[in-house]
């Protein structure tokens, strides 16, 4: 008969908390994507459309990242239909998958900044050039 911590390790834990955490991280990541899209300041309709069209790298980065996270999230969720109990290893693997989804926001920002700097100025800094 097992008791305490050893029993919990042998039996594992249900996946509810891990699924809730993962859902929360994916939801926050997908919500934060929109923060990189800024409302342009322009007077008149034609100036507004020009300003909006200049932001296309941000829109493209948002769309691509949203689609990728939108694919990762349900796939991650569907995996847990086949898992009854979780352990330390599965928690770690789940966190790595969720971290990859969260990192998409950073890559979208770098891609958008890289494009905007290239259009508005001369050479890009080496770190952005390497990431683009």
C-alpha atoms as a PDB file:
ATOM      1  CA  UNK A   1       0.000   0.000   0.000  1.00  0.00           C
ATOM      2  CA  UNK A   2       1.333   3.430  -0.866  1.00  0.00           C
ATOM      3  CA  UNK A   3       0.644   6.705   0.792  1.00  0.00           C
ATOM      4  CA  UNK A   4       1.509  10.375   0.476  1.00  0.00           C
ATOM      5  CA  UNK A   5       3.800  11.600  -2.258  1.00  0.00           C
ATOM      6  CA  UNK A   6       4.960   8.151  -3.378  1.00  0.00           C
ATOM      7  CA  UNK A   7       1.372   7.081  -4.006  1.00  0.00           C
ATOM      8  CA  UNK A   8       0.678  10.207  -6.048  1.00  0.00           C
ATOM      9  CA  UNK A   9       3.764   9.545  -8.180  1.00  0.00           C
ATOM     10  CA  UNK A  10       2.762   5.932  -8.839  1.00  0.00           C
ATOM     11  CA  UNK A  11      -0.846   6.761  -9.641  1.00  0.00           C
ATOM     12  CA  UNK A  12      -0.113   9.976 -11.495  1.00  0.00           C
ATOM     13  CA  UNK A  13      -2.513  12.881 -11.481  1.00  0.00           C
ATOM     14  CA  UNK A  14      -5.448  13.678 -13.678  1.00  0.00           C
ATOM     15  CA  UNK A  15      -4.819  16.056 -16.549  1.00  0.00           C
ATOM     16  CA  UNK A  16      -7.329  18.775 -15.646  1.00  0.00           C
ATOM     17  CA  UNK A  17      -4.831  21.233 -14.166  1.00  0.00           C
ATOM     18  CA  UNK A  18      -2.323  20.719 -16.965  1.00  0.00           C
ATOM     19  CA  UNK A  19      -5.010  21.197 -19.608  1.00  0.00           C
ATOM     20  CA  UNK A  20      -6.319  24.339 -17.900  1.00  0.00           C
ATOM     21  CA  UNK A  21      -2.808  25.791 -17.657  1.00  0.00           C
ATOM     22  CA  UNK A  22      -2.091  25.019 -21.310  1.00  0.00           C
ATOM     23  CA  UNK A  23      -5.417  26.481 -22.442  1.00  0.00           C
ATOM     24  CA  UNK A  24      -4.657  29.639 -20.478  1.00  0.00           C
ATOM     25  CA  UNK A  25      -1.199  30.061 -21.979  1.00  0.00           C
ATOM     26  CA  UNK A  26      -2.452  29.487 -25.519  1.00  0.00           C
ATOM     27  CA  UNK A  27      -5.337  31.920 -24.964  1.00  0.00           C
ATOM     28  CA  UNK A  28      -3.003  34.599 -23.607  1.00  0.00           C
ATOM     29  CA  UNK A  29      -0.493  34.054 -26.427  1.00  0.00           C
ATOM     30  CA  UNK A  30      -3.158  34.382 -29.100  1.00  0.00           C
ATOM     31  CA  UNK A  31      -4.583  37.484 -27.409  1.00  0.00           C
ATOM     32  CA  UNK A  32      -1.192  39.187 -27.044  1.00  0.00           C
ATOM     33  CA  UNK A  33      -0.554  38.874 -30.778  1.00  0.00           C
ATOM     34  CA  UNK A  34      -2.841  41.801 -31.482  1.00  0.00           C
ATOM     35  CA  UNK A  35      -0.807  44.149 -29.251  1.00  0.00           C
ATOM     36  CA  UNK A  36       1.813  44.575 -31.968  1.00  0.00           C
ATOM     37  CA  UNK A  37      -0.765  46.035 -34.358  1.00  0.00           C
ATOM     38  CA  UNK A  38      -0.953  49.763 -33.727  1.00  0.00           C
ATOM     39  CA  UNK A  39      -3.670  52.169 -34.803  1.00  0.00           C
ATOM     40  CA  UNK A  40      -2.106  54.656 -37.204  1.00  0.00           C
ATOM     41  CA  UNK A  41      -2.638  58.390 -36.843  1.00  0.00           C
ATOM     42  CA  UNK A  42      -3.803  59.825 -40.139  1.00  0.00           C
ATOM     43  CA  UNK A  43      -6.143  62.534 -41.282  1.00  0.00           C
ATOM     44  CA  UNK A  44      -8.465  61.747 -44.141  1.00  0.00           C
ATOM     45  CA  UNK A  45      -9.524  58.480 -45.708  1.00  0.00           C
ATOM     46  CA  UNK A  46      -6.702  58.172 -48.221  1.00  0.00           C
ATOM     47  CA  UNK A  47      -4.046  58.889 -45.593  1.00  0.00           C
ATOM     48  CA  UNK A  48      -5.631  56.336 -43.291  1.00  0.00           C
ATOM     49  CA  UNK A  49      -5.609  53.653 -45.988  1.00  0.00           C
ATOM     50  CA  UNK A  50      -1.949  54.409 -46.792  1.00  0.00           C
ATOM     51  CA  UNK A  51      -1.049  54.223 -43.098  1.00  0.00           C
ATOM     52  CA  UNK A  52      -2.960  50.944 -42.679  1.00  0.00           C
ATOM     53  CA  UNK A  53      -1.329  49.419 -45.748  1.00  0.00           C
ATOM     54  CA  UNK A  54       2.100  50.360 -44.380  1.00  0.00           C
ATOM     55  CA  UNK A  55       1.358  48.105 -41.401  1.00  0.00           C
ATOM     56  CA  UNK A  56       0.982  44.980 -43.547  1.00  0.00           C
ATOM     57  CA  UNK A  57       3.998  43.228 -41.944  1.00  0.00           C
ATOM     58  CA  UNK A  58       2.244  43.404 -38.569  1.00  0.00           C
ATOM     59  CA  UNK A  59      -0.989  42.069 -40.052  1.00  0.00           C
ATOM     60  CA  UNK A  60       0.821  39.244 -41.809  1.00  0.00           C
ATOM     61  CA  UNK A  61       2.774  38.322 -38.671  1.00  0.00           C
ATOM     62  CA  UNK A  62      -0.459  38.349 -36.675  1.00  0.00           C
ATOM     63  CA  UNK A  63      -2.281  36.184 -39.208  1.00  0.00           C
ATOM     64  CA  UNK A  64       0.475  33.593 -39.546  1.00  0.00           C
ATOM     65  CA  UNK A  65       1.029  33.370 -35.792  1.00  0.00           C
ATOM     66  CA  UNK A  66      -2.723  33.183 -35.126  1.00  0.00           C
ATOM     67  CA  UNK A  67      -3.108  30.329 -37.606  1.00  0.00           C
ATOM     68  CA  UNK A  68      -0.137  28.405 -36.193  1.00  0.00           C
ATOM     69  CA  UNK A  69      -1.316  28.796 -32.600  1.00  0.00           C
ATOM     70  CA  UNK A  70      -4.823  27.959 -33.802  1.00  0.00           C
ATOM     71  CA  UNK A  71      -3.454  24.662 -35.132  1.00  0.00           C
ATOM     72  CA  UNK A  72      -1.234  23.902 -32.125  1.00  0.00           C
ATOM     73  CA  UNK A  73      -3.905  24.563 -29.497  1.00  0.00           C
ATOM     74  CA  UNK A  74      -6.552  22.045 -30.654  1.00  0.00           C
ATOM     75  CA  UNK A  75      -3.856  19.470 -31.428  1.00  0.00           C
ATOM     76  CA  UNK A  76      -2.476  19.855 -27.909  1.00  0.00           C
ATOM     77  CA  UNK A  77      -6.018  19.564 -26.562  1.00  0.00           C
ATOM     78  CA  UNK A  78      -6.767  16.451 -28.641  1.00  0.00           C
ATOM     79  CA  UNK A  79      -3.682  14.680 -27.314  1.00  0.00           C
ATOM     80  CA  UNK A  80      -5.212  14.790 -23.850  1.00  0.00           C
ATOM     81  CA  UNK A  81      -8.249  12.813 -25.026  1.00  0.00           C
ATOM     82  CA  UNK A  82      -5.909   9.818 -24.975  1.00  0.00           C
ATOM     83  CA  UNK A  83      -4.175  10.588 -21.668  1.00  0.00           C
ATOM     84  CA  UNK A  84      -5.806   9.733 -18.359  1.00  0.00           C
ATOM     85  CA  UNK A  85      -2.996  10.529 -15.922  1.00  0.00           C
ATOM     86  CA  UNK A  86       0.002  12.797 -16.066  1.00  0.00           C
ATOM     87  CA  UNK A  87       3.451  12.707 -14.528  1.00  0.00           C
ATOM     88  CA  UNK A  88       6.449  15.019 -14.267  1.00  0.00           C
ATOM     89  CA  UNK A  89       7.751  14.069 -17.734  1.00  0.00           C
ATOM     90  CA  UNK A  90       4.421  14.807 -19.435  1.00  0.00           C
ATOM     91  CA  UNK A  91       4.127  18.148 -17.649  1.00  0.00           C
ATOM     92  CA  UNK A  92       7.574  19.092 -18.962  1.00  0.00           C
ATOM     93  CA  UNK A  93       6.735  18.037 -22.513  1.00  0.00           C
ATOM     94  CA  UNK A  94       3.453  19.929 -22.380  1.00  0.00           C
ATOM     95  CA  UNK A  95       5.222  23.051 -21.136  1.00  0.00           C
ATOM     96  CA  UNK A  96       7.710  22.852 -24.016  1.00  0.00           C
ATOM     97  CA  UNK A  97       4.857  22.653 -26.546  1.00  0.00           C
ATOM     98  CA  UNK A  98       3.063  25.583 -24.921  1.00  0.00           C
ATOM     99  CA  UNK A  99       6.306  27.593 -24.826  1.00  0.00           C
ATOM    100  CA  UNK A 100       6.704  27.086 -28.568  1.00  0.00           C
ATOM    101  CA  UNK A 101       3.239  28.535 -29.096  1.00  0.00           C
ATOM    102  CA  UNK A 102       4.052  31.495 -26.865  1.00  0.00           C
ATOM    103  CA  UNK A 103       7.310  32.138 -28.706  1.00  0.00           C
ATOM    104  CA  UNK A 104       5.390  32.780 -31.906  1.00  0.00           C
ATOM    105  CA  UNK A 105       4.458  36.243 -30.668  1.00  0.00           C
ATOM    106  CA  UNK A 106       8.113  37.154 -30.328  1.00  0.00           C
ATOM    107  CA  UNK A 107       8.926  35.906 -33.812  1.00  0.00           C
ATOM    108  CA  UNK A 108       5.975  37.824 -35.267  1.00  0.00           C
ATOM    109  CA  UNK A 109       7.218  41.006 -33.579  1.00  0.00           C
ATOM    110  CA  UNK A 110      10.761  40.508 -34.877  1.00  0.00           C
ATOM    111  CA  UNK A 111       9.485  39.874 -38.405  1.00  0.00           C
ATOM    112  CA  UNK A 112       7.279  42.963 -38.306  1.00  0.00           C
ATOM    113  CA  UNK A 113      10.014  45.177 -36.873  1.00  0.00           C
ATOM    114  CA  UNK A 114      12.511  43.859 -39.373  1.00  0.00           C
ATOM    115  CA  UNK A 115      10.270  44.680 -42.304  1.00  0.00           C
ATOM    116  CA  UNK A 116       9.383  48.142 -40.976  1.00  0.00           C
ATOM    117  CA  UNK A 117      13.018  49.050 -40.340  1.00  0.00           C
ATOM    118  CA  UNK A 118      14.048  47.863 -43.766  1.00  0.00           C
ATOM    119  CA  UNK A 119      11.360  50.036 -45.373  1.00  0.00           C
ATOM    120  CA  UNK A 120      12.013  53.119 -43.235  1.00  0.00           C
ATOM    121  CA  UNK A 121      15.780  53.193 -42.879  1.00  0.00           C
ATOM    122  CA  UNK A 122      19.044  51.838 -44.121  1.00  0.00           C
ATOM    123  CA  UNK A 123      20.743  48.696 -42.872  1.00  0.00           C
ATOM    124  CA  UNK A 124      19.203  46.560 -40.169  1.00  0.00           C
ATOM    125  CA  UNK A 125      20.948  45.589 -36.955  1.00  0.00           C
ATOM    126  CA  UNK A 126      22.646  42.183 -37.222  1.00  0.00           C
ATOM    127  CA  UNK A 127      20.293  40.509 -34.743  1.00  0.00           C
ATOM    128  CA  UNK A 128      17.192  41.433 -36.743  1.00  0.00           C
ATOM    129  CA  UNK A 129      18.878  40.619 -40.028  1.00  0.00           C
ATOM    130  CA  UNK A 130      19.763  37.151 -38.761  1.00  0.00           C
ATOM    131  CA  UNK A 131      16.247  36.527 -37.443  1.00  0.00           C
ATOM    132  CA  UNK A 132      14.407  37.695 -40.570  1.00  0.00           C
END
